[in-house]
ModelCIF file with pLDDT and N, C-alpha, C, O atoms, coordinates in Angstrom:
data_MODEL
#
_entry.id   MODEL 
#
_entity.id                         1 
_entity.type                       polymer 
_entity.pdbx_number_of_molecules   1 
#
_entity_poly.entity_id                      1 
_entity_poly.type                           'polypeptide(L)' 
_entity_poly.nstd_linkage                   no 
_entity_poly.nstd_monomer                   no 
_entity_poly.pdbx_seq_one_letter_code       EIAVINLENARVGCAACNPGWCAAPSWIYLIRIALPDSRRWIKLGYSR 
_entity_poly.pdbx_seq_one_letter_code_can   EIAVINLENARVGCAACNPGWCAAPSWIYLIRIALPDSRRWIKLGYSR 
_entity_poly.pdbx_strand_id                 A 
#
loop_
_entity_poly_seq.entity_id 
_entity_poly_seq.num 
_entity_poly_seq.mon_id 
_entity_poly_seq.hetero 
1 1  GLU n 
1 2  ILE n 
1 3  ALA n 
1 4  VAL n 
1 5  ILE n 
1 6  ASN n 
1 7  LEU n 
1 8  GLU n 
1 9  ASN n 
1 10 ALA n 
1 11 ARG n 
1 12 VAL n 
1 13 GLY n 
1 14 CYS n 
1 15 ALA n 
1 16 ALA n 
1 17 CYS n 
1 18 ASN n 
1 19 PRO n 
1 20 GLY n 
1 21 TRP n 
1 22 CYS n 
1 23 ALA n 
1 24 ALA n 
1 25 PRO n 
1 26 SER n 
1 27 TRP n 
1 28 ILE n 
1 29 TYR n 
1 30 LEU n 
1 31 ILE n 
1 32 ARG n 
1 33 ILE n 
1 34 ALA n 
1 35 LEU n 
1 36 PRO n 
1 37 ASP n 
1 38 SER n 
1 39 ARG n 
1 40 ARG n 
1 41 TRP n 
1 42 ILE n 
1 43 LYS n 
1 44 LEU n 
1 45 GLY n 
1 46 TYR n 
1 47 SER n 
1 48 ARG n 
#
_struct_asym.id          A 
_struct_asym.entity_id   1 
#
loop_
_ma_qa_metric.id 
_ma_qa_metric.mode 
_ma_qa_metric.name 
_ma_qa_metric.software_group_id 
_ma_qa_metric.type 
1 global pLDDT . pLDDT 
2 local  pLDDT . pLDDT 
#
_ma_qa_metric_global.metric_id      1 
_ma_qa_metric_global.metric_value   83.15 
_ma_qa_metric_global.model_id       1 
_ma_qa_metric_global.ordinal_id     1 
#
loop_
_ma_qa_metric_local.label_asym_id 
_ma_qa_metric_local.label_comp_id 
_ma_qa_metric_local.label_seq_id 
_ma_qa_metric_local.metric_id 
_ma_qa_metric_local.metric_value 
_ma_qa_metric_local.model_id 
_ma_qa_metric_local.ordinal_id 
A GLU 1  2 89.00 1 1  
A ILE 2  2 88.00 1 2  
A ALA 3  2 88.00 1 3  
A VAL 4  2 90.00 1 4  
A ILE 5  2 86.00 1 5  
A ASN 6  2 83.00 1 6  
A LEU 7  2 87.00 1 7  
A GLU 8  2 85.00 1 8  
A ASN 9  2 79.00 1 9  
A ALA 10 2 76.00 1 10 
A ARG 11 2 73.00 1 11 
A VAL 12 2 77.00 1 12 
A GLY 13 2 75.00 1 13 
A CYS 14 2 79.00 1 14 
A ALA 15 2 72.00 1 15 
A ALA 16 2 75.00 1 16 
A CYS 17 2 77.00 1 17 
A ASN 18 2 67.00 1 18 
A PRO 19 2 60.00 1 19 
A GLY 20 2 63.00 1 20 
A TRP 21 2 57.00 1 21 
A CYS 22 2 62.00 1 22 
A ALA 23 2 65.00 1 23 
A ALA 24 2 72.00 1 24 
A PRO 25 2 80.00 1 25 
A SER 26 2 85.00 1 26 
A TRP 27 2 88.00 1 27 
A ILE 28 2 91.00 1 28 
A TYR 29 2 91.00 1 29 
A LEU 30 2 93.00 1 30 
A ILE 31 2 92.00 1 31 
A ARG 32 2 93.00 1 32 
A ILE 33 2 93.00 1 33 
A ALA 34 2 93.00 1 34 
A LEU 35 2 94.00 1 35 
A PRO 36 2 92.00 1 36 
A ASP 37 2 91.00 1 37 
A SER 38 2 91.00 1 38 
A ARG 39 2 93.00 1 39 
A ARG 40 2 94.00 1 40 
A TRP 41 2 94.00 1 41 
A ILE 42 2 94.00 1 42 
A LYS 43 2 93.00 1 43 
A LEU 44 2 93.00 1 44 
A GLY 45 2 89.00 1 45 
A TYR 46 2 86.00 1 46 
A SER 47 2 83.00 1 47 
A ARG 48 2 80.00 1 48 
#
loop_
_atom_site.group_PDB 
_atom_site.id 
_atom_site.type_symbol 
_atom_site.label_atom_id 
_atom_site.label_alt_id 
_atom_site.label_comp_id 
_atom_site.label_asym_id 
_atom_site.label_entity_id 
_atom_site.label_seq_id 
_atom_site.pdbx_PDB_ins_code 
_atom_site.Cartn_x 
_atom_site.Cartn_y 
_atom_site.Cartn_z 
_atom_site.occupancy 
_atom_site.B_iso_or_equiv 
_atom_site.pdbx_formal_charge 
_atom_site.auth_seq_id 
_atom_site.auth_comp_id 
_atom_site.auth_asym_id 
_atom_site.auth_atom_id 
_atom_site.pdbx_PDB_model_num 
ATOM 1   N N  . GLU A 1 1  ? 123.836 107.421 93.006  1.00 89.00 ? 1  GLU A N  1 
ATOM 2   C CA . GLU A 1 1  ? 122.537 108.109 93.214  1.00 89.00 ? 1  GLU A CA 1 
ATOM 3   C C  . GLU A 1 1  ? 121.456 106.980 93.386  1.00 89.00 ? 1  GLU A C  1 
ATOM 4   O O  . GLU A 1 1  ? 121.301 106.069 92.573  1.00 89.00 ? 1  GLU A O  1 
ATOM 5   N N  . ILE A 1 2  ? 120.724 107.146 94.541  1.00 88.00 ? 2  ILE A N  1 
ATOM 6   C CA . ILE A 1 2  ? 119.820 106.077 94.972  1.00 88.00 ? 2  ILE A CA 1 
ATOM 7   C C  . ILE A 1 2  ? 118.463 106.695 95.348  1.00 88.00 ? 2  ILE A C  1 
ATOM 8   O O  . ILE A 1 2  ? 118.416 107.779 95.931  1.00 88.00 ? 2  ILE A O  1 
ATOM 9   N N  . ALA A 1 3  ? 117.386 106.022 95.023  1.00 88.00 ? 3  ALA A N  1 
ATOM 10  C CA . ALA A 1 3  ? 116.071 106.506 95.436  1.00 88.00 ? 3  ALA A CA 1 
ATOM 11  C C  . ALA A 1 3  ? 116.042 106.426 96.952  1.00 88.00 ? 3  ALA A C  1 
ATOM 12  O O  . ALA A 1 3  ? 116.516 105.465 97.557  1.00 88.00 ? 3  ALA A O  1 
ATOM 13  N N  . VAL A 1 4  ? 115.440 107.520 97.579  1.00 90.00 ? 4  VAL A N  1 
ATOM 14  C CA . VAL A 1 4  ? 115.484 107.584 99.045  1.00 90.00 ? 4  VAL A CA 1 
ATOM 15  C C  . VAL A 1 4  ? 114.731 106.500 99.649  1.00 90.00 ? 4  VAL A C  1 
ATOM 16  O O  . VAL A 1 4  ? 115.141 106.000 100.697 1.00 90.00 ? 4  VAL A O  1 
ATOM 17  N N  . ILE A 1 5  ? 113.607 106.064 99.057  1.00 86.00 ? 5  ILE A N  1 
ATOM 18  C CA . ILE A 1 5  ? 112.734 104.943 99.662  1.00 86.00 ? 5  ILE A CA 1 
ATOM 19  C C  . ILE A 1 5  ? 113.512 103.671 99.618  1.00 86.00 ? 5  ILE A C  1 
ATOM 20  O O  . ILE A 1 5  ? 113.426 102.855 100.535 1.00 86.00 ? 5  ILE A O  1 
ATOM 21  N N  . ASN A 1 6  ? 114.321 103.468 98.502  1.00 83.00 ? 6  ASN A N  1 
ATOM 22  C CA . ASN A 1 6  ? 115.105 102.197 98.446  1.00 83.00 ? 6  ASN A CA 1 
ATOM 23  C C  . ASN A 1 6  ? 116.132 102.126 99.491  1.00 83.00 ? 6  ASN A C  1 
ATOM 24  O O  . ASN A 1 6  ? 116.357 101.049 100.044 1.00 83.00 ? 6  ASN A O  1 
ATOM 25  N N  . LEU A 1 7  ? 116.800 103.237 99.818  1.00 87.00 ? 7  LEU A N  1 
ATOM 26  C CA . LEU A 1 7  ? 117.817 103.225 100.773 1.00 87.00 ? 7  LEU A CA 1 
ATOM 27  C C  . LEU A 1 7  ? 117.248 102.977 102.169 1.00 87.00 ? 7  LEU A C  1 
ATOM 28  O O  . LEU A 1 7  ? 117.762 102.204 102.977 1.00 87.00 ? 7  LEU A O  1 
ATOM 29  N N  . GLU A 1 8  ? 116.166 103.681 102.383 1.00 85.00 ? 8  GLU A N  1 
ATOM 30  C CA . GLU A 1 8  ? 115.486 103.523 103.697 1.00 85.00 ? 8  GLU A CA 1 
ATOM 31  C C  . GLU A 1 8  ? 114.950 102.149 103.933 1.00 85.00 ? 8  GLU A C  1 
ATOM 32  O O  . GLU A 1 8  ? 114.937 101.665 105.065 1.00 85.00 ? 8  GLU A O  1 
ATOM 33  N N  . ASN A 1 9  ? 114.501 101.503 102.864 1.00 79.00 ? 9  ASN A N  1 
ATOM 34  C CA . ASN A 1 9  ? 114.058 100.082 103.052 1.00 79.00 ? 9  ASN A CA 1 
ATOM 35  C C  . ASN A 1 9  ? 115.129 99.103  102.777 1.00 79.00 ? 9  ASN A C  1 
ATOM 36  O O  . ASN A 1 9  ? 114.857 97.908  102.661 1.00 79.00 ? 9  ASN A O  1 
ATOM 37  N N  . ALA A 1 10 ? 116.379 99.568  102.664 1.00 76.00 ? 10 ALA A N  1 
ATOM 38  C CA . ALA A 1 10 ? 117.560 98.712  102.394 1.00 76.00 ? 10 ALA A CA 1 
ATOM 39  C C  . ALA A 1 10 ? 117.470 97.807  101.129 1.00 76.00 ? 10 ALA A C  1 
ATOM 40  O O  . ALA A 1 10 ? 118.050 96.724  101.047 1.00 76.00 ? 10 ALA A O  1 
ATOM 41  N N  . ARG A 1 11 ? 116.708 98.337  100.169 1.00 73.00 ? 11 ARG A N  1 
ATOM 42  C CA . ARG A 1 11 ? 116.637 97.646  98.899  1.00 73.00 ? 11 ARG A CA 1 
ATOM 43  C C  . ARG A 1 11 ? 117.581 98.208  97.922  1.00 73.00 ? 11 ARG A C  1 
ATOM 44  O O  . ARG A 1 11 ? 117.163 98.703  96.875  1.00 73.00 ? 11 ARG A O  1 
ATOM 45  N N  . VAL A 1 12 ? 118.869 98.157  98.217  1.00 77.00 ? 12 VAL A N  1 
ATOM 46  C CA . VAL A 1 12 ? 119.873 98.760  97.397  1.00 77.00 ? 12 VAL A CA 1 
ATOM 47  C C  . VAL A 1 12 ? 121.175 98.102  97.639  1.00 77.00 ? 12 VAL A C  1 
ATOM 48  O O  . VAL A 1 12 ? 121.385 97.576  98.732  1.00 77.00 ? 12 VAL A O  1 
ATOM 49  N N  . GLY A 1 13 ? 122.084 98.090  96.681  1.00 75.00 ? 13 GLY A N  1 
ATOM 50  C CA . GLY A 1 13 ? 123.417 97.554  96.844  1.00 75.00 ? 13 GLY A CA 1 
ATOM 51  C C  . GLY A 1 13 ? 124.427 98.435  96.199  1.00 75.00 ? 13 GLY A C  1 
ATOM 52  O O  . GLY A 1 13 ? 124.106 99.226  95.312  1.00 75.00 ? 13 GLY A O  1 
ATOM 53  N N  . CYS A 1 14 ? 125.665 98.305  96.643  1.00 79.00 ? 14 CYS A N  1 
ATOM 54  C CA . CYS A 1 14 ? 126.696 99.173  96.066  1.00 79.00 ? 14 CYS A CA 1 
ATOM 55  C C  . CYS A 1 14 ? 127.081 98.583  94.743  1.00 79.00 ? 14 CYS A C  1 
ATOM 56  O O  . CYS A 1 14 ? 127.416 97.401  94.666  1.00 79.00 ? 14 CYS A O  1 
ATOM 57  N N  . ALA A 1 15 ? 127.041 99.411  93.651  1.00 72.00 ? 15 ALA A N  1 
ATOM 58  C CA . ALA A 1 15 ? 127.387 98.885  92.386  1.00 72.00 ? 15 ALA A CA 1 
ATOM 59  C C  . ALA A 1 15 ? 128.900 98.459  92.198  1.00 72.00 ? 15 ALA A C  1 
ATOM 60  O O  . ALA A 1 15 ? 129.276 97.762  91.255  1.00 72.00 ? 15 ALA A O  1 
ATOM 61  N N  . ALA A 1 16 ? 129.683 98.921  93.134  1.00 75.00 ? 16 ALA A N  1 
ATOM 62  C CA . ALA A 1 16 ? 131.098 98.584  93.079  1.00 75.00 ? 16 ALA A CA 1 
ATOM 63  C C  . ALA A 1 16 ? 131.445 97.325  93.833  1.00 75.00 ? 16 ALA A C  1 
ATOM 64  O O  . ALA A 1 16 ? 132.370 96.629  93.414  1.00 75.00 ? 16 ALA A O  1 
ATOM 65  N N  . CYS A 1 17 ? 130.769 96.978  94.922  1.00 77.00 ? 17 CYS A N  1 
ATOM 66  C CA . CYS A 1 17 ? 131.269 95.966  95.741  1.00 77.00 ? 17 CYS A CA 1 
ATOM 67  C C  . CYS A 1 17 ? 130.255 94.968  96.315  1.00 77.00 ? 17 CYS A C  1 
ATOM 68  O O  . CYS A 1 17 ? 130.618 93.960  96.920  1.00 77.00 ? 17 CYS A O  1 
ATOM 69  N N  . ASN A 1 18 ? 128.849 95.315  96.083  1.00 67.00 ? 18 ASN A N  1 
ATOM 70  C CA . ASN A 1 18 ? 127.883 94.426  96.634  1.00 67.00 ? 18 ASN A CA 1 
ATOM 71  C C  . ASN A 1 18 ? 127.612 93.318  95.634  1.00 67.00 ? 18 ASN A C  1 
ATOM 72  O O  . ASN A 1 18 ? 127.548 93.590  94.435  1.00 67.00 ? 18 ASN A O  1 
ATOM 73  N N  . PRO A 1 19 ? 127.442 92.026  96.100  1.00 60.00 ? 19 PRO A N  1 
ATOM 74  C CA . PRO A 1 19 ? 127.175 90.898  95.313  1.00 60.00 ? 19 PRO A CA 1 
ATOM 75  C C  . PRO A 1 19 ? 125.749 90.894  94.772  1.00 60.00 ? 19 PRO A C  1 
ATOM 76  O O  . PRO A 1 19 ? 125.439 90.227  93.785  1.00 60.00 ? 19 PRO A O  1 
ATOM 77  N N  . GLY A 1 20 ? 124.836 91.708  95.492  1.00 63.00 ? 20 GLY A N  1 
ATOM 78  C CA . GLY A 1 20 ? 123.423 91.754  94.938  1.00 63.00 ? 20 GLY A CA 1 
ATOM 79  C C  . GLY A 1 20 ? 122.538 91.012  95.973  1.00 63.00 ? 20 GLY A C  1 
ATOM 80  O O  . GLY A 1 20 ? 123.013 90.183  96.748  1.00 63.00 ? 20 GLY A O  1 
ATOM 81  N N  . TRP A 1 21 ? 121.256 91.344  95.946  1.00 57.00 ? 21 TRP A N  1 
ATOM 82  C CA . TRP A 1 21 ? 120.334 90.700  96.893  1.00 57.00 ? 21 TRP A CA 1 
ATOM 83  C C  . TRP A 1 21 ? 120.206 89.180  96.692  1.00 57.00 ? 21 TRP A C  1 
ATOM 84  O O  . TRP A 1 21 ? 120.007 88.439  97.654  1.00 57.00 ? 21 TRP A O  1 
ATOM 85  N N  . CYS A 1 22 ? 120.317 88.746  95.494  1.00 62.00 ? 22 CYS A N  1 
ATOM 86  C CA . CYS A 1 22 ? 120.136 87.285  95.247  1.00 62.00 ? 22 CYS A CA 1 
ATOM 87  C C  . CYS A 1 22 ? 121.164 86.423  95.977  1.00 62.00 ? 22 CYS A C  1 
ATOM 88  O O  . CYS A 1 22 ? 120.879 85.273  96.311  1.00 62.00 ? 22 CYS A O  1 
ATOM 89  N N  . ALA A 1 23 ? 122.362 86.970  96.229  1.00 65.00 ? 23 ALA A N  1 
ATOM 90  C CA . ALA A 1 23 ? 123.488 86.198  96.860  1.00 65.00 ? 23 ALA A CA 1 
ATOM 91  C C  . ALA A 1 23 ? 123.535 86.483  98.289  1.00 65.00 ? 23 ALA A C  1 
ATOM 92  O O  . ALA A 1 23 ? 124.267 85.806  99.010  1.00 65.00 ? 23 ALA A O  1 
ATOM 93  N N  . ALA A 1 24 ? 122.740 87.529  98.818  1.00 72.00 ? 24 ALA A N  1 
ATOM 94  C CA . ALA A 1 24 ? 122.838 87.926  100.243 1.00 72.00 ? 24 ALA A CA 1 
ATOM 95  C C  . ALA A 1 24 ? 121.871 87.161  101.069 1.00 72.00 ? 24 ALA A C  1 
ATOM 96  O O  . ALA A 1 24 ? 120.825 86.771  100.552 1.00 72.00 ? 24 ALA A O  1 
ATOM 97  N N  . PRO A 1 25 ? 122.150 86.910  102.346 1.00 80.00 ? 25 PRO A N  1 
ATOM 98  C CA . PRO A 1 25 ? 121.112 86.288  103.226 1.00 80.00 ? 25 PRO A CA 1 
ATOM 99  C C  . PRO A 1 25 ? 119.846 86.932  103.282 1.00 80.00 ? 25 PRO A C  1 
ATOM 100 O O  . PRO A 1 25 ? 119.817 88.161  103.219 1.00 80.00 ? 25 PRO A O  1 
ATOM 101 N N  . SER A 1 26 ? 118.700 86.216  103.401 1.00 85.00 ? 26 SER A N  1 
ATOM 102 C CA . SER A 1 26 ? 117.409 86.782  103.376 1.00 85.00 ? 26 SER A CA 1 
ATOM 103 C C  . SER A 1 26 ? 116.543 86.099  104.412 1.00 85.00 ? 26 SER A C  1 
ATOM 104 O O  . SER A 1 26 ? 116.973 85.193  105.126 1.00 85.00 ? 26 SER A O  1 
ATOM 105 N N  . TRP A 1 27 ? 115.214 86.600  104.473 1.00 88.00 ? 27 TRP A N  1 
ATOM 106 C CA . TRP A 1 27 ? 114.292 86.036  105.491 1.00 88.00 ? 27 TRP A CA 1 
ATOM 107 C C  . TRP A 1 27 ? 112.991 85.794  104.782 1.00 88.00 ? 27 TRP A C  1 
ATOM 108 O O  . TRP A 1 27 ? 112.584 86.564  103.912 1.00 88.00 ? 27 TRP A O  1 
ATOM 109 N N  . ILE A 1 28 ? 112.288 84.631  105.192 1.00 91.00 ? 28 ILE A N  1 
ATOM 110 C CA . ILE A 1 28 ? 110.913 84.433  104.798 1.00 91.00 ? 28 ILE A CA 1 
ATOM 111 C C  . ILE A 1 28 ? 110.116 84.814  106.103 1.00 91.00 ? 28 ILE A C  1 
ATOM 112 O O  . ILE A 1 28 ? 110.439 84.362  107.201 1.00 91.00 ? 28 ILE A O  1 
ATOM 113 N N  . TYR A 1 29 ? 109.077 85.655  105.924 1.00 91.00 ? 29 TYR A N  1 
ATOM 114 C CA . TYR A 1 29 ? 108.323 86.137  107.058 1.00 91.00 ? 29 TYR A CA 1 
ATOM 115 C C  . TYR A 1 29 ? 106.825 85.829  107.027 1.00 91.00 ? 29 TYR A C  1 
ATOM 116 O O  . TYR A 1 29 ? 106.280 85.683  105.933 1.00 91.00 ? 29 TYR A O  1 
ATOM 117 N N  . LEU A 1 30 ? 106.178 85.729  108.077 1.00 93.00 ? 30 LEU A N  1 
ATOM 118 C CA . LEU A 1 30 ? 104.714 85.659  108.206 1.00 93.00 ? 30 LEU A CA 1 
ATOM 119 C C  . LEU A 1 30 ? 104.319 86.755  109.184 1.00 93.00 ? 30 LEU A C  1 
ATOM 120 O O  . LEU A 1 30 ? 104.885 86.870  110.271 1.00 93.00 ? 30 LEU A O  1 
ATOM 121 N N  . ILE A 1 31 ? 103.284 87.603  108.759 1.00 92.00 ? 31 ILE A N  1 
ATOM 122 C CA . ILE A 1 31 ? 102.882 88.695  109.579 1.00 92.00 ? 31 ILE A CA 1 
ATOM 123 C C  . ILE A 1 31 ? 101.408 88.714  109.717 1.00 92.00 ? 31 ILE A C  1 
ATOM 124 O O  . ILE A 1 31 ? 100.718 88.220  108.825 1.00 92.00 ? 31 ILE A O  1 
ATOM 125 N N  . ARG A 1 32 ? 100.875 89.249  110.770 1.00 93.00 ? 32 ARG A N  1 
ATOM 126 C CA . ARG A 1 32 ? 99.495  89.544  110.963 1.00 93.00 ? 32 ARG A CA 1 
ATOM 127 C C  . ARG A 1 32 ? 99.217  90.950  110.573 1.00 93.00 ? 32 ARG A C  1 
ATOM 128 O O  . ARG A 1 32 ? 100.087 91.795  110.785 1.00 93.00 ? 32 ARG A O  1 
ATOM 129 N N  . ILE A 1 33 ? 98.062  91.289  110.010 1.00 93.00 ? 33 ILE A N  1 
ATOM 130 C CA . ILE A 1 33 ? 97.677  92.592  109.480 1.00 93.00 ? 33 ILE A CA 1 
ATOM 131 C C  . ILE A 1 33 ? 96.299  92.889  110.101 1.00 93.00 ? 33 ILE A C  1 
ATOM 132 O O  . ILE A 1 33 ? 95.318  92.183  109.865 1.00 93.00 ? 33 ILE A O  1 
ATOM 133 N N  . ALA A 1 34 ? 96.273  93.971  110.908 1.00 93.00 ? 34 ALA A N  1 
ATOM 134 C CA . ALA A 1 34 ? 94.944  94.455  111.524 1.00 93.00 ? 34 ALA A CA 1 
ATOM 135 C C  . ALA A 1 34 ? 94.528  95.784  110.893 1.00 93.00 ? 34 ALA A C  1 
ATOM 136 O O  . ALA A 1 34 ? 95.274  96.762  110.916 1.00 93.00 ? 34 ALA A O  1 
ATOM 137 N N  . LEU A 1 35 ? 93.409  95.793  110.372 1.00 94.00 ? 35 LEU A N  1 
ATOM 138 C CA . LEU A 1 35 ? 92.822  96.999  109.768 1.00 94.00 ? 35 LEU A CA 1 
ATOM 139 C C  . LEU A 1 35 ? 91.963  97.769  110.752 1.00 94.00 ? 35 LEU A C  1 
ATOM 140 O O  . LEU A 1 35 ? 91.433  97.168  111.687 1.00 94.00 ? 35 LEU A O  1 
ATOM 141 N N  . PRO A 1 36 ? 91.803  99.061  110.582 1.00 92.00 ? 36 PRO A N  1 
ATOM 142 C CA . PRO A 1 36 ? 90.952  99.878  111.541 1.00 92.00 ? 36 PRO A CA 1 
ATOM 143 C C  . PRO A 1 36 ? 89.592  99.440  111.524 1.00 92.00 ? 36 PRO A C  1 
ATOM 144 O O  . PRO A 1 36 ? 88.885  99.704  112.496 1.00 92.00 ? 36 PRO A O  1 
ATOM 145 N N  . ASP A 1 37 ? 89.079  98.738  110.445 1.00 91.00 ? 37 ASP A N  1 
ATOM 146 C CA . ASP A 1 37 ? 87.656  98.256  110.401 1.00 91.00 ? 37 ASP A CA 1 
ATOM 147 C C  . ASP A 1 37 ? 87.549  96.873  111.043 1.00 91.00 ? 37 ASP A C  1 
ATOM 148 O O  . ASP A 1 37 ? 86.518  96.227  110.855 1.00 91.00 ? 37 ASP A O  1 
ATOM 149 N N  . SER A 1 38 ? 88.490  96.396  111.752 1.00 91.00 ? 38 SER A N  1 
ATOM 150 C CA . SER A 1 38 ? 88.451  95.066  112.518 1.00 91.00 ? 38 SER A CA 1 
ATOM 151 C C  . SER A 1 38 ? 88.769  93.920  111.620 1.00 91.00 ? 38 SER A C  1 
ATOM 152 O O  . SER A 1 38 ? 88.875  92.810  112.142 1.00 91.00 ? 38 SER A O  1 
ATOM 153 N N  . ARG A 1 39 ? 88.938  94.052  110.299 1.00 93.00 ? 39 ARG A N  1 
ATOM 154 C CA . ARG A 1 39 ? 89.339  92.895  109.471 1.00 93.00 ? 39 ARG A CA 1 
ATOM 155 C C  . ARG A 1 39 ? 90.864  92.564  109.770 1.00 93.00 ? 39 ARG A C  1 
ATOM 156 O O  . ARG A 1 39 ? 91.752  93.381  110.012 1.00 93.00 ? 39 ARG A O  1 
ATOM 157 N N  . ARG A 1 40 ? 90.971  91.124  109.695 1.00 94.00 ? 40 ARG A N  1 
ATOM 158 C CA . ARG A 1 40 ? 92.362  90.568  110.070 1.00 94.00 ? 40 ARG A CA 1 
ATOM 159 C C  . ARG A 1 40 ? 92.876  89.748  108.836 1.00 94.00 ? 40 ARG A C  1 
ATOM 160 O O  . ARG A 1 40 ? 92.134  88.961  108.247 1.00 94.00 ? 40 ARG A O  1 
ATOM 161 N N  . TRP A 1 41 ? 94.136  89.959  108.482 1.00 94.00 ? 41 TRP A N  1 
ATOM 162 C CA . TRP A 1 41 ? 94.619  89.124  107.416 1.00 94.00 ? 41 TRP A CA 1 
ATOM 163 C C  . TRP A 1 41 ? 96.052  88.744  107.774 1.00 94.00 ? 41 TRP A C  1 
ATOM 164 O O  . TRP A 1 41 ? 96.614  89.225  108.759 1.00 94.00 ? 41 TRP A O  1 
ATOM 165 N N  . ILE A 1 42 ? 96.621  87.881  106.961 1.00 94.00 ? 42 ILE A N  1 
ATOM 166 C CA . ILE A 1 42 ? 98.043  87.456  107.162 1.00 94.00 ? 42 ILE A CA 1 
ATOM 167 C C  . ILE A 1 42 ? 98.746  87.536  105.776 1.00 94.00 ? 42 ILE A C  1 
ATOM 168 O O  . ILE A 1 42 ? 98.151  87.395  104.708 1.00 94.00 ? 42 ILE A O  1 
ATOM 169 N N  . LYS A 1 43 ? 99.983  87.759  105.900 1.00 93.00 ? 43 LYS A N  1 
ATOM 170 C CA . LYS A 1 43 ? 100.806 87.812  104.626 1.00 93.00 ? 43 LYS A CA 1 
ATOM 171 C C  . LYS A 1 43 ? 102.073 87.010  104.800 1.00 93.00 ? 43 LYS A C  1 
ATOM 172 O O  . LYS A 1 43 ? 102.728 87.060  105.840 1.00 93.00 ? 43 LYS A O  1 
ATOM 173 N N  . LEU A 1 44 ? 102.420 86.234  103.710 1.00 93.00 ? 44 LEU A N  1 
ATOM 174 C CA . LEU A 1 44 ? 103.664 85.450  103.669 1.00 93.00 ? 44 LEU A CA 1 
ATOM 175 C C  . LEU A 1 44 ? 104.581 86.203  102.573 1.00 93.00 ? 44 LEU A C  1 
ATOM 176 O O  . LEU A 1 44 ? 104.151 86.517  101.463 1.00 93.00 ? 44 LEU A O  1 
ATOM 177 N N  . GLY A 1 45 ? 105.797 86.436  102.984 1.00 89.00 ? 45 GLY A N  1 
ATOM 178 C CA . GLY A 1 45 ? 106.679 87.167  102.045 1.00 89.00 ? 45 GLY A CA 1 
ATOM 179 C C  . GLY A 1 45 ? 108.121 86.883  102.425 1.00 89.00 ? 45 GLY A C  1 
ATOM 180 O O  . GLY A 1 45 ? 108.433 86.144  103.359 1.00 89.00 ? 45 GLY A O  1 
ATOM 181 N N  . TYR A 1 46 ? 108.987 87.526  101.633 1.00 86.00 ? 46 TYR A N  1 
ATOM 182 C CA . TYR A 1 46 ? 110.458 87.474  101.935 1.00 86.00 ? 46 TYR A CA 1 
ATOM 183 C C  . TYR A 1 46 ? 111.064 88.841  101.858 1.00 86.00 ? 46 TYR A C  1 
ATOM 184 O O  . TYR A 1 46 ? 110.544 89.725  101.176 1.00 86.00 ? 46 TYR A O  1 
ATOM 185 N N  . SER A 1 47 ? 112.213 89.032  102.586 1.00 83.00 ? 47 SER A N  1 
ATOM 186 C CA . SER A 1 47 ? 112.996 90.276  102.489 1.00 83.00 ? 47 SER A CA 1 
ATOM 187 C C  . SER A 1 47 ? 114.390 90.094  103.001 1.00 83.00 ? 47 SER A C  1 
ATOM 188 O O  . SER A 1 47 ? 114.680 89.240  103.839 1.00 83.00 ? 47 SER A O  1 
ATOM 189 N N  . ARG A 1 48 ? 115.264 90.952  102.450 1.00 80.00 ? 48 ARG A N  1 
ATOM 190 C CA . ARG A 1 48 ? 116.628 90.899  103.063 1.00 80.00 ? 48 ARG A CA 1 
ATOM 191 C C  . ARG A 1 48 ? 116.684 91.660  104.300 1.00 80.00 ? 48 ARG A C  1 
ATOM 192 O O  . ARG A 1 48 ? 117.735 91.724  104.938 1.00 80.00 ? 48 ARG A O  1 
#
């Protein structure tokens, strides 16, 4: 049984066979964020 949002965002592993996110390959990302009021930000993060 898995939360729908977690499965859609791939933030889940099989309890029987998955080694877990900490052992799986991942990515560090940099993104631009544009708001409707013309403000501009950036974000640094990571995700599988």
